[in-house]
Protein backbone atom coordinates (compact mmCIF):
# COMPACT_ATOMS: atom_id res chain seq x y z
CA MET A 1 114.98 98.05 88.60
CA GLU A 2 112.97 98.95 85.52
CA SER A 3 116.05 99.53 83.36
CA TRP A 4 117.40 96.14 84.43
CA ASN A 5 114.05 94.54 83.55
CA ILE A 6 114.02 96.20 80.11
CA TYR A 7 117.62 95.08 79.53
CA ALA A 8 116.67 91.51 80.47
CA VAL A 9 113.68 91.50 78.11
CA ILE A 10 115.71 92.91 75.19
CA ASN A 11 118.49 90.35 75.69
CA ASN A 12 116.15 87.39 76.32
CA ILE A 13 117.29 86.94 79.89
CA ASN A 14 114.81 85.21 82.17
CA VAL A 15 113.65 87.36 85.07
CA PRO A 16 112.40 85.47 88.13
CA SER A 17 108.62 85.65 88.29
CA SER A 18 108.86 86.37 92.01
CA LEU A 19 110.05 89.88 91.09
CA ASN A 20 106.91 90.74 89.11
CA PRO A 21 105.04 92.22 92.12
CA ILE A 22 108.03 94.46 92.82
CA PHE A 23 108.03 95.66 89.21
CA TRP A 24 104.31 96.47 89.37
CA ILE A 25 104.75 98.42 92.62
CA GLU A 26 107.65 100.32 91.07
CA ARG A 27 105.62 101.14 87.96
CA PHE A 28 102.70 102.34 90.07
CA ALA A 29 105.02 104.58 92.09
CA MET A 30 106.61 106.04 88.96
CA MET A 31 103.23 106.77 87.38
CA SER A 32 101.99 108.36 90.60
CA HIS A 33 105.01 110.65 90.74
CA PHE A 34 104.57 111.51 87.06
CA ILE A 35 100.93 112.47 87.56
CA GLU A 36 101.85 114.53 90.63
CA SER A 37 104.49 116.37 88.61
CA ILE A 38 101.95 117.20 85.90
CA ILE A 39 99.59 118.59 88.54
CA ALA A 40 102.44 120.63 90.04
CA ALA A 41 103.43 122.03 86.63
CA PHE A 42 99.83 123.06 85.99
CA TYR A 43 99.34 124.84 89.34
CA ALA A 44 102.85 126.24 89.87
CA PRO A 45 102.31 129.52 87.98
CA SER A 46 99.33 130.36 90.20
CA ARG A 47 101.69 130.16 93.20
CA GLN A 48 104.47 132.22 91.53
CA LYS A 49 106.63 129.13 90.94
CA LYS A 50 108.39 128.03 87.75
CA PRO A 51 106.41 125.11 86.25
CA VAL A 52 109.29 122.97 84.95
CA LYS A 53 111.40 123.44 88.06
CA TYR A 54 108.56 122.66 90.43
CA ALA A 55 107.34 119.71 88.35
CA THR A 56 110.84 118.20 88.49
CA TYR A 57 111.01 118.78 92.23
CA THR A 58 107.59 117.20 92.75
CA PHE A 59 108.49 114.21 90.59
CA PHE A 60 111.40 113.38 92.87
CA VAL A 61 109.78 114.11 96.24
CA GLY A 62 106.20 113.08 95.42
CA THR A 63 103.22 114.17 97.45
CA ILE A 64 105.37 116.35 99.69
CA GLY A 65 105.95 118.70 96.73
CA LEU A 66 102.21 119.02 96.14
CA LEU A 67 101.56 119.66 99.82
CA GLU A 68 104.16 122.43 99.78
CA LEU A 69 102.65 123.89 96.62
CA PHE A 70 99.15 124.02 98.07
CA ASP A 71 100.23 125.21 101.52
CA ARG A 72 98.05 128.22 102.39
CA GLN A 73 100.84 129.94 104.35
CA ASP A 74 102.51 131.04 101.09
CA GLU A 75 99.56 133.29 100.28
CA TYR A 76 99.95 135.65 103.26
């Protein structure tokens, strides 16, 4: 959706204003996933995980990746 919106802006194509809430929800979701991936990359080494690999995983799955990272069962 975002790439289509950027394409439309670059090429002066009018985007229906009714889609603006959807774009804002999408941007919020993307930023949330990005922040979660940064947190995962920071804490992954303390859990014997590779930071880049786990950050990428967390970016795509979201909060589930962080929950798995902080799961206490891995410590025993």
